Each structure stands twice: as C-alpha cells, then as structure tokens.
N, C-alpha and C. Protein backbone atom coordinates (compact mmCIF):
# COMPACT_ATOMS: atom_id res chain seq x y z
N MET A 1 52.49 -25.39 1.41
CA MET A 1 51.84 -25.95 2.60
C MET A 1 51.57 -27.44 2.38
N ASN A 2 51.97 -28.25 3.36
CA ASN A 2 51.70 -29.68 3.30
C ASN A 2 50.42 -30.02 4.06
N ILE A 3 49.83 -31.13 3.70
CA ILE A 3 48.69 -31.69 4.43
C ILE A 3 49.21 -32.99 5.04
N VAL A 4 49.20 -33.08 6.36
CA VAL A 4 49.74 -34.25 7.06
C VAL A 4 48.59 -35.05 7.66
N LEU A 5 48.51 -36.32 7.31
CA LEU A 5 47.46 -37.19 7.83
C LEU A 5 48.03 -38.04 8.96
N ILE A 6 47.38 -37.97 10.13
CA ILE A 6 47.77 -38.80 11.26
C ILE A 6 46.58 -39.64 11.69
N GLY A 7 46.85 -40.72 12.40
CA GLY A 7 45.78 -41.59 12.89
C GLY A 7 46.30 -43.01 13.04
N MET A 8 45.44 -43.85 13.55
CA MET A 8 45.80 -45.25 13.80
C MET A 8 46.13 -45.98 12.50
N SER A 9 46.90 -47.04 12.62
CA SER A 9 47.08 -47.95 11.50
C SER A 9 45.69 -48.45 11.14
N GLY A 10 45.40 -48.48 9.84
CA GLY A 10 44.08 -48.93 9.41
C GLY A 10 43.05 -47.82 9.29
N ALA A 11 43.44 -46.58 9.64
CA ALA A 11 42.49 -45.46 9.56
C ALA A 11 42.28 -45.01 8.11
N GLY A 12 43.20 -45.39 7.23
CA GLY A 12 43.05 -45.02 5.82
C GLY A 12 43.96 -43.90 5.36
N LYS A 13 45.00 -43.62 6.11
CA LYS A 13 45.89 -42.49 5.78
C LYS A 13 46.51 -42.63 4.40
N SER A 14 47.03 -43.81 4.08
CA SER A 14 47.68 -44.01 2.77
C SER A 14 46.66 -44.01 1.64
N THR A 15 45.58 -44.74 1.83
CA THR A 15 44.53 -44.82 0.79
C THR A 15 43.93 -43.45 0.52
N LEU A 16 43.54 -42.75 1.57
CA LEU A 16 42.93 -41.43 1.41
C LEU A 16 43.96 -40.41 0.94
N GLY A 17 45.21 -40.57 1.40
CA GLY A 17 46.26 -39.62 1.05
C GLY A 17 46.51 -39.54 -0.44
N VAL A 18 46.56 -40.70 -1.09
CA VAL A 18 46.78 -40.75 -2.55
C VAL A 18 45.65 -40.02 -3.26
N LEU A 19 44.41 -40.31 -2.88
CA LEU A 19 43.25 -39.69 -3.53
C LEU A 19 43.17 -38.20 -3.23
N LEU A 20 43.53 -37.82 -2.00
CA LEU A 20 43.54 -36.42 -1.62
C LEU A 20 44.58 -35.65 -2.43
N ALA A 21 45.76 -36.23 -2.58
CA ALA A 21 46.83 -35.60 -3.36
C ALA A 21 46.37 -35.39 -4.81
N LYS A 22 45.72 -36.41 -5.36
CA LYS A 22 45.19 -36.30 -6.73
C LYS A 22 44.17 -35.18 -6.83
N ALA A 23 43.25 -35.15 -5.87
CA ALA A 23 42.17 -34.15 -5.89
C ALA A 23 42.70 -32.73 -5.73
N LEU A 24 43.81 -32.58 -5.00
CA LEU A 24 44.36 -31.25 -4.74
C LEU A 24 45.53 -30.89 -5.66
N GLY A 25 45.92 -31.84 -6.52
CA GLY A 25 47.06 -31.59 -7.41
C GLY A 25 48.37 -31.47 -6.67
N MET A 26 48.54 -32.28 -5.62
CA MET A 26 49.74 -32.23 -4.79
C MET A 26 50.52 -33.55 -4.93
N GLU A 27 51.76 -33.53 -4.45
CA GLU A 27 52.56 -34.76 -4.37
C GLU A 27 52.02 -35.60 -3.22
N PHE A 28 52.38 -36.90 -3.21
CA PHE A 28 52.00 -37.77 -2.09
C PHE A 28 53.24 -38.48 -1.57
N VAL A 29 53.42 -38.46 -0.24
CA VAL A 29 54.53 -39.16 0.39
C VAL A 29 53.99 -39.96 1.59
N ASP A 30 54.36 -41.23 1.63
CA ASP A 30 54.00 -42.10 2.76
C ASP A 30 55.27 -42.30 3.57
N THR A 31 55.30 -41.78 4.81
CA THR A 31 56.53 -41.85 5.60
C THR A 31 56.95 -43.29 5.90
N ASP A 32 55.98 -44.21 6.00
CA ASP A 32 56.34 -45.63 6.22
C ASP A 32 57.17 -46.15 5.05
N ILE A 33 56.79 -45.78 3.83
CA ILE A 33 57.52 -46.22 2.64
C ILE A 33 58.90 -45.57 2.61
N VAL A 34 58.99 -44.29 2.98
CA VAL A 34 60.28 -43.60 3.02
C VAL A 34 61.21 -44.32 4.01
N ILE A 35 60.69 -44.67 5.17
CA ILE A 35 61.50 -45.39 6.18
C ILE A 35 61.99 -46.72 5.62
N GLN A 36 61.08 -47.47 4.99
CA GLN A 36 61.46 -48.77 4.42
C GLN A 36 62.53 -48.62 3.34
N GLN A 37 62.37 -47.61 2.48
CA GLN A 37 63.34 -47.39 1.40
C GLN A 37 64.70 -46.99 1.97
N GLN A 38 64.70 -46.09 2.95
CA GLN A 38 65.98 -45.63 3.50
C GLN A 38 66.68 -46.71 4.32
N ASP A 39 65.88 -47.57 4.98
CA ASP A 39 66.47 -48.60 5.84
C ASP A 39 66.71 -49.91 5.09
N GLY A 40 66.02 -50.09 3.96
CA GLY A 40 66.19 -51.31 3.18
C GLY A 40 65.48 -52.53 3.74
N ARG A 41 64.56 -52.29 4.67
CA ARG A 41 63.78 -53.38 5.27
C ARG A 41 62.34 -52.96 5.45
N LEU A 42 61.44 -53.94 5.58
CA LEU A 42 60.04 -53.65 5.89
C LEU A 42 59.97 -53.15 7.33
N LEU A 43 58.91 -52.40 7.65
CA LEU A 43 58.74 -51.87 9.01
C LEU A 43 58.80 -52.99 10.03
N GLN A 44 58.07 -54.07 9.75
CA GLN A 44 58.02 -55.18 10.71
C GLN A 44 59.41 -55.79 10.90
N GLY A 45 60.20 -55.83 9.83
CA GLY A 45 61.57 -56.33 9.92
C GLY A 45 62.43 -55.47 10.83
N ILE A 46 62.27 -54.15 10.71
CA ILE A 46 63.02 -53.22 11.56
C ILE A 46 62.64 -53.44 13.02
N ILE A 47 61.33 -53.53 13.28
CA ILE A 47 60.84 -53.73 14.65
C ILE A 47 61.33 -55.07 15.19
N ASP A 48 61.21 -56.14 14.39
CA ASP A 48 61.63 -57.47 14.83
C ASP A 48 63.13 -57.55 15.09
N ASP A 49 63.93 -56.96 14.19
CA ASP A 49 65.39 -57.07 14.29
C ASP A 49 66.00 -56.10 15.30
N ASP A 50 65.49 -54.85 15.32
CA ASP A 50 66.13 -53.80 16.11
C ASP A 50 65.36 -53.42 17.38
N GLY A 51 64.10 -53.80 17.45
CA GLY A 51 63.27 -53.44 18.59
C GLY A 51 62.49 -52.15 18.36
N ILE A 52 61.48 -51.95 19.18
CA ILE A 52 60.57 -50.81 19.05
C ILE A 52 61.31 -49.48 19.25
N GLN A 53 62.18 -49.42 20.26
CA GLN A 53 62.87 -48.16 20.56
C GLN A 53 63.69 -47.69 19.37
N LYS A 54 64.45 -48.59 18.78
CA LYS A 54 65.30 -48.26 17.63
C LYS A 54 64.44 -47.85 16.43
N PHE A 55 63.33 -48.58 16.23
CA PHE A 55 62.43 -48.21 15.13
C PHE A 55 61.92 -46.79 15.32
N MET A 56 61.51 -46.46 16.55
CA MET A 56 60.96 -45.13 16.81
C MET A 56 62.02 -44.04 16.64
N GLU A 57 63.27 -44.35 16.97
CA GLU A 57 64.36 -43.39 16.73
C GLU A 57 64.57 -43.18 15.23
N THR A 58 64.51 -44.27 14.47
CA THR A 58 64.65 -44.19 13.02
C THR A 58 63.51 -43.37 12.42
N GLU A 59 62.28 -43.67 12.85
CA GLU A 59 61.11 -42.94 12.37
C GLU A 59 61.25 -41.45 12.69
N GLU A 60 61.63 -41.13 13.92
CA GLU A 60 61.77 -39.73 14.32
C GLU A 60 62.80 -39.01 13.46
N GLN A 61 63.95 -39.65 13.25
CA GLN A 61 65.02 -39.03 12.48
C GLN A 61 64.57 -38.78 11.04
N ILE A 62 64.03 -39.82 10.39
CA ILE A 62 63.65 -39.71 8.98
C ILE A 62 62.53 -38.69 8.79
N VAL A 63 61.50 -38.76 9.62
CA VAL A 63 60.35 -37.84 9.48
C VAL A 63 60.78 -36.40 9.79
N SER A 64 61.63 -36.22 10.79
CA SER A 64 62.08 -34.86 11.17
C SER A 64 62.92 -34.21 10.07
N GLU A 65 63.60 -35.03 9.28
CA GLU A 65 64.49 -34.49 8.26
C GLU A 65 63.84 -34.34 6.88
N LEU A 66 62.58 -34.73 6.75
CA LEU A 66 61.89 -34.60 5.46
C LEU A 66 61.83 -33.13 5.06
N GLN A 67 62.18 -32.86 3.82
CA GLN A 67 62.08 -31.49 3.29
C GLN A 67 61.02 -31.51 2.19
N LEU A 68 59.77 -31.37 2.58
CA LEU A 68 58.69 -31.50 1.60
C LEU A 68 57.89 -30.22 1.51
N LYS A 69 57.43 -29.94 0.29
CA LYS A 69 56.56 -28.78 0.05
C LYS A 69 55.42 -29.21 -0.85
N ASN A 70 54.23 -28.71 -0.56
CA ASN A 70 53.04 -29.00 -1.37
C ASN A 70 52.77 -30.51 -1.49
N CYS A 71 52.87 -31.19 -0.36
CA CYS A 71 52.68 -32.65 -0.32
C CYS A 71 51.56 -33.03 0.61
N VAL A 72 50.89 -34.13 0.25
CA VAL A 72 50.03 -34.81 1.21
C VAL A 72 50.94 -35.88 1.81
N ILE A 73 51.07 -35.85 3.13
CA ILE A 73 51.98 -36.77 3.82
C ILE A 73 51.17 -37.72 4.69
N SER A 74 51.30 -39.00 4.40
CA SER A 74 50.68 -40.03 5.23
C SER A 74 51.76 -40.51 6.20
N THR A 75 51.45 -40.48 7.50
CA THR A 75 52.43 -40.85 8.51
C THR A 75 52.11 -42.22 9.10
N GLY A 76 53.11 -42.80 9.74
CA GLY A 76 52.88 -44.03 10.49
C GLY A 76 52.09 -43.70 11.74
N GLY A 77 51.30 -44.63 12.21
CA GLY A 77 50.46 -44.39 13.38
C GLY A 77 51.23 -44.02 14.63
N SER A 78 52.51 -44.41 14.69
CA SER A 78 53.31 -44.18 15.89
C SER A 78 54.07 -42.85 15.88
N VAL A 79 53.98 -42.09 14.80
CA VAL A 79 54.76 -40.85 14.68
C VAL A 79 54.44 -39.86 15.81
N VAL A 80 53.22 -39.95 16.36
CA VAL A 80 52.81 -39.02 17.43
C VAL A 80 53.56 -39.25 18.75
N TYR A 81 54.31 -40.34 18.85
CA TYR A 81 55.13 -40.56 20.04
C TYR A 81 56.35 -39.64 20.03
N SER A 82 56.66 -39.04 18.88
CA SER A 82 57.82 -38.17 18.77
C SER A 82 57.40 -36.71 18.65
N GLU A 83 57.69 -35.97 19.71
CA GLU A 83 57.38 -34.53 19.69
C GLU A 83 58.20 -33.83 18.61
N LYS A 84 59.45 -34.27 18.44
CA LYS A 84 60.35 -33.67 17.44
C LYS A 84 59.79 -33.86 16.03
N ALA A 85 59.35 -35.07 15.70
CA ALA A 85 58.79 -35.35 14.37
C ALA A 85 57.49 -34.56 14.16
N MET A 86 56.64 -34.53 15.17
CA MET A 86 55.37 -33.82 15.02
C MET A 86 55.61 -32.31 14.86
N HIS A 87 56.58 -31.78 15.58
CA HIS A 87 56.91 -30.36 15.46
C HIS A 87 57.39 -30.06 14.03
N ALA A 88 58.23 -30.94 13.50
CA ALA A 88 58.75 -30.76 12.14
C ALA A 88 57.61 -30.81 11.12
N LEU A 89 56.68 -31.74 11.29
CA LEU A 89 55.55 -31.86 10.36
C LEU A 89 54.63 -30.65 10.45
N LYS A 90 54.44 -30.14 11.67
CA LYS A 90 53.55 -28.99 11.88
C LYS A 90 54.13 -27.70 11.30
N GLN A 91 55.47 -27.61 11.24
CA GLN A 91 56.12 -26.41 10.71
C GLN A 91 55.63 -26.08 9.30
N GLY A 92 55.54 -27.10 8.46
CA GLY A 92 55.21 -26.82 7.07
C GLY A 92 53.83 -27.27 6.66
N GLY A 93 52.96 -27.56 7.64
CA GLY A 93 51.68 -28.07 7.18
C GLY A 93 50.54 -28.09 8.17
N LEU A 94 49.41 -28.47 7.64
CA LEU A 94 48.20 -28.67 8.44
C LEU A 94 48.13 -30.15 8.81
N ILE A 95 47.84 -30.43 10.06
CA ILE A 95 47.76 -31.82 10.51
C ILE A 95 46.30 -32.21 10.69
N ILE A 96 45.90 -33.22 9.94
CA ILE A 96 44.53 -33.72 9.98
C ILE A 96 44.52 -35.11 10.60
N TYR A 97 43.76 -35.26 11.67
CA TYR A 97 43.62 -36.54 12.35
C TYR A 97 42.43 -37.29 11.76
N LEU A 98 42.70 -38.47 11.21
CA LEU A 98 41.62 -39.32 10.68
C LEU A 98 41.15 -40.23 11.80
N HIS A 99 40.01 -39.90 12.35
CA HIS A 99 39.47 -40.69 13.46
C HIS A 99 38.61 -41.83 12.94
N VAL A 100 38.89 -43.01 13.43
CA VAL A 100 38.07 -44.19 13.13
C VAL A 100 37.84 -44.90 14.46
N PRO A 101 36.59 -45.26 14.78
CA PRO A 101 36.32 -45.92 16.06
C PRO A 101 37.09 -47.25 16.20
N TYR A 102 37.37 -47.62 17.44
CA TYR A 102 38.16 -48.81 17.72
C TYR A 102 37.62 -50.07 17.03
N GLU A 103 36.33 -50.29 17.12
CA GLU A 103 35.74 -51.51 16.53
C GLU A 103 36.05 -51.60 15.03
N GLU A 104 36.02 -50.47 14.35
CA GLU A 104 36.30 -50.43 12.91
C GLU A 104 37.79 -50.72 12.64
N ILE A 105 38.66 -50.12 13.44
CA ILE A 105 40.11 -50.36 13.31
C ILE A 105 40.39 -51.86 13.49
N LYS A 106 39.75 -52.44 14.51
CA LYS A 106 39.95 -53.86 14.81
C LYS A 106 39.56 -54.73 13.61
N LYS A 107 38.47 -54.36 12.95
CA LYS A 107 38.02 -55.11 11.76
C LYS A 107 39.00 -54.96 10.60
N ARG A 108 39.54 -53.75 10.44
CA ARG A 108 40.43 -53.47 9.31
C ARG A 108 41.82 -54.10 9.48
N LEU A 109 42.29 -54.20 10.71
CA LEU A 109 43.65 -54.69 10.96
C LEU A 109 43.67 -56.19 11.21
N VAL A 110 43.52 -56.93 10.15
CA VAL A 110 43.53 -58.38 10.27
C VAL A 110 44.97 -58.87 10.45
N ASN A 111 45.90 -58.20 9.79
CA ASN A 111 47.30 -58.65 9.75
C ASN A 111 48.18 -57.86 10.72
N ILE A 112 47.73 -57.72 11.95
CA ILE A 112 48.40 -56.87 12.92
C ILE A 112 49.85 -57.29 13.21
N THR A 113 50.15 -58.57 13.11
CA THR A 113 51.50 -59.04 13.45
C THR A 113 52.51 -58.79 12.34
N THR A 114 52.05 -58.47 11.14
CA THR A 114 52.99 -58.25 10.02
C THR A 114 52.94 -56.81 9.52
N ARG A 115 52.16 -55.99 10.16
CA ARG A 115 51.87 -54.66 9.65
C ARG A 115 52.89 -53.60 10.06
N GLY A 116 53.81 -53.96 10.96
CA GLY A 116 54.79 -52.96 11.40
C GLY A 116 54.19 -51.99 12.38
N ILE A 117 53.35 -52.50 13.28
CA ILE A 117 52.71 -51.64 14.27
C ILE A 117 53.56 -51.62 15.53
N VAL A 118 53.83 -50.42 16.03
CA VAL A 118 54.61 -50.27 17.24
C VAL A 118 53.72 -50.65 18.42
N MET A 119 54.00 -51.84 18.98
CA MET A 119 53.17 -52.36 20.06
C MET A 119 54.06 -53.10 21.05
N LYS A 120 54.11 -52.57 22.27
CA LYS A 120 54.94 -53.21 23.29
C LYS A 120 54.40 -54.59 23.62
N ARG A 121 55.30 -55.50 23.95
CA ARG A 121 54.92 -56.87 24.31
C ARG A 121 53.88 -56.84 25.44
N GLY A 122 52.83 -57.62 25.27
CA GLY A 122 51.80 -57.66 26.30
C GLY A 122 50.67 -56.66 26.06
N ASN A 123 50.92 -55.68 25.19
CA ASN A 123 49.87 -54.72 24.86
C ASN A 123 48.93 -55.29 23.82
N HIS A 124 47.71 -54.82 23.83
CA HIS A 124 46.73 -55.21 22.83
C HIS A 124 46.40 -53.99 21.98
N LEU A 125 45.75 -54.23 20.86
CA LEU A 125 45.39 -53.14 19.95
C LEU A 125 44.62 -52.05 20.69
N GLN A 126 43.69 -52.44 21.55
CA GLN A 126 42.88 -51.45 22.27
C GLN A 126 43.75 -50.58 23.19
N ASP A 127 44.79 -51.16 23.79
CA ASP A 127 45.71 -50.39 24.64
C ASP A 127 46.37 -49.28 23.83
N ILE A 128 46.84 -49.64 22.64
CA ILE A 128 47.51 -48.68 21.77
C ILE A 128 46.54 -47.60 21.31
N TYR A 129 45.35 -48.04 20.93
CA TYR A 129 44.31 -47.12 20.48
C TYR A 129 44.06 -46.06 21.56
N GLU A 130 43.83 -46.52 22.78
CA GLU A 130 43.52 -45.61 23.88
C GLU A 130 44.70 -44.72 24.26
N GLU A 131 45.91 -45.25 24.09
CA GLU A 131 47.12 -44.48 24.40
C GLU A 131 47.35 -43.36 23.37
N ARG A 132 47.04 -43.66 22.11
CA ARG A 132 47.36 -42.71 21.03
C ARG A 132 46.31 -41.63 20.80
N ILE A 133 45.04 -41.90 21.08
CA ILE A 133 43.97 -40.92 20.80
C ILE A 133 44.32 -39.53 21.36
N PRO A 134 44.71 -39.42 22.66
CA PRO A 134 45.04 -38.08 23.18
C PRO A 134 46.19 -37.41 22.43
N LEU A 135 47.14 -38.22 21.93
CA LEU A 135 48.27 -37.65 21.18
C LEU A 135 47.81 -37.15 19.82
N TYR A 136 46.96 -37.91 19.14
CA TYR A 136 46.44 -37.45 17.85
C TYR A 136 45.69 -36.13 18.04
N LEU A 137 44.88 -36.06 19.10
CA LEU A 137 44.10 -34.85 19.36
C LEU A 137 45.00 -33.67 19.74
N LYS A 138 46.09 -33.95 20.46
CA LYS A 138 47.03 -32.91 20.88
C LYS A 138 47.69 -32.24 19.67
N TYR A 139 48.07 -33.03 18.68
CA TYR A 139 48.87 -32.49 17.57
C TYR A 139 48.06 -32.03 16.36
N CYS A 140 46.81 -32.46 16.24
CA CYS A 140 46.08 -32.15 15.00
C CYS A 140 45.54 -30.72 14.98
N ASP A 141 45.41 -30.20 13.76
CA ASP A 141 44.76 -28.91 13.56
C ASP A 141 43.26 -29.11 13.40
N ASN A 142 42.88 -30.30 12.94
CA ASN A 142 41.47 -30.62 12.78
C ASN A 142 41.30 -32.13 12.71
N THR A 143 40.09 -32.59 13.02
CA THR A 143 39.77 -34.02 13.02
C THR A 143 38.72 -34.30 11.97
N VAL A 144 38.89 -35.39 11.25
CA VAL A 144 37.85 -35.86 10.33
C VAL A 144 37.42 -37.23 10.84
N ASP A 145 36.15 -37.35 11.17
CA ASP A 145 35.61 -38.62 11.63
C ASP A 145 35.26 -39.46 10.40
N CYS A 146 36.03 -40.49 10.16
CA CYS A 146 35.86 -41.30 8.95
C CYS A 146 34.92 -42.48 9.15
N SER A 147 34.23 -42.52 10.28
CA SER A 147 33.33 -43.65 10.49
C SER A 147 32.07 -43.47 9.64
N ASN A 148 31.58 -44.56 9.12
CA ASN A 148 30.37 -44.57 8.30
C ASN A 148 30.44 -43.66 7.08
N MET A 149 31.64 -43.49 6.54
CA MET A 149 31.79 -42.69 5.32
C MET A 149 32.55 -43.50 4.28
N SER A 150 32.19 -43.28 3.02
CA SER A 150 32.94 -43.91 1.93
C SER A 150 34.27 -43.19 1.79
N ILE A 151 35.18 -43.76 1.04
CA ILE A 151 36.49 -43.14 0.80
C ILE A 151 36.30 -41.76 0.17
N GLU A 152 35.40 -41.68 -0.81
CA GLU A 152 35.15 -40.40 -1.50
C GLU A 152 34.60 -39.35 -0.53
N GLN A 153 33.71 -39.78 0.37
CA GLN A 153 33.15 -38.85 1.35
C GLN A 153 34.24 -38.35 2.30
N CYS A 154 35.13 -39.25 2.70
CA CYS A 154 36.24 -38.86 3.58
C CYS A 154 37.13 -37.82 2.91
N VAL A 155 37.48 -38.07 1.64
CA VAL A 155 38.33 -37.13 0.89
C VAL A 155 37.64 -35.77 0.82
N SER A 156 36.36 -35.73 0.50
CA SER A 156 35.60 -34.47 0.43
C SER A 156 35.60 -33.76 1.77
N GLU A 157 35.41 -34.52 2.84
CA GLU A 157 35.39 -33.96 4.20
C GLU A 157 36.75 -33.36 4.57
N ILE A 158 37.84 -34.05 4.21
CA ILE A 158 39.19 -33.54 4.48
C ILE A 158 39.41 -32.23 3.74
N ILE A 159 39.02 -32.19 2.46
CA ILE A 159 39.18 -30.97 1.65
C ILE A 159 38.40 -29.81 2.28
N LEU A 160 37.20 -30.09 2.74
CA LEU A 160 36.36 -29.09 3.41
C LEU A 160 37.08 -28.54 4.66
N LYS A 161 37.63 -29.43 5.48
CA LYS A 161 38.34 -29.02 6.71
C LYS A 161 39.59 -28.20 6.38
N ILE A 162 40.31 -28.59 5.33
CA ILE A 162 41.51 -27.85 4.92
C ILE A 162 41.13 -26.43 4.51
N ARG A 163 40.06 -26.30 3.73
CA ARG A 163 39.61 -24.96 3.29
C ARG A 163 39.20 -24.11 4.47
N GLN A 164 38.54 -24.72 5.47
CA GLN A 164 38.14 -23.98 6.68
C GLN A 164 39.37 -23.50 7.44
N LEU A 165 40.39 -24.35 7.53
CA LEU A 165 41.60 -24.00 8.28
C LEU A 165 42.41 -22.90 7.59
N LYS A 166 42.34 -22.85 6.26
CA LYS A 166 43.12 -21.85 5.52
C LYS A 166 42.49 -20.46 5.59
N HIS A 167 41.20 -20.40 5.99
CA HIS A 167 40.54 -19.07 6.05
C HIS A 167 40.54 -18.50 7.44
C-alpha cells in the first residue's frame, strides 16, 4: 500500500514525505523529480519550452505509469487535474490531502515563477488555490490540516490518519 500526498505547491509534500517514509520504513518518491529525470529538464523548463498543456500530458503519462509498492509518494500540485493519474494513484494507495491555508502558501511560495507551478497566464496564486481545493477534496481519502503545526506534528497527524483509514 502506498501513501500519496497531494496538495498545493508549498504545502510540504516533499519535506513531510521524506520524514513520513522514514517514520514508516517505506520508500519515498517525488513525482516532480521523476518527471524531471525522465524529461531531462526542470519542471519550469518544461512549462516554459512546451507549455502548460504539454507539461500536464507528460505529468499524467509519467504518474499513471508509475509501478510503486510500499512508497510514500509526493505529487506535484497539479496532478489533480488528471483524473487518469489520480485513479492510478488511488489504485495502490491512500491519498492524503495536506491542507494549508492560502495566506500560509503565499508566504511559503516566494519563488513562484521558477517553481514549476502550472498557472495559466493572467491567473494568480489565489485563483489556482481556489480552483484546486475542490479537486484535492474530491480525490483524497483523508485531509490533514497542516496549519499551525510543526513538521513533526504534521508527520504524526498523517500517521494517525493512515492508521484510522486502515481500520
């Protein structure tokens, strides 16, 4: 069984994912890194060179084809735009949505233009945040509210939710 972390860029999926994998004795995979390795470019490079649509097709293909077992998987914030990718992730795992309030995300994402965030021209961070929240809620098995919690507290809370879901 995999543990899949979804949420906005800056929610802490990669940071928490590594610690969660350690705590649970599982492997850790960051789908953004897998995409970069397979494509040979940074996420922002793919978006800049090929456009958002092509990036999302690449993300969908790579994430849908992952064959992982007993992994904590950190996903890109935009993975929820792909029903195919989300279905593939849900097949082998529990999906945990890391919720962080907009104001906190805004503080954390200082480097929004270089971060490889799927954002249509003219959109602002808040537009994306509001667009994605219903998708995160639609696909998740459980939500962990990471606001006002330390990294260690978040990891403990995720482990608690996973244990509840398994029973």
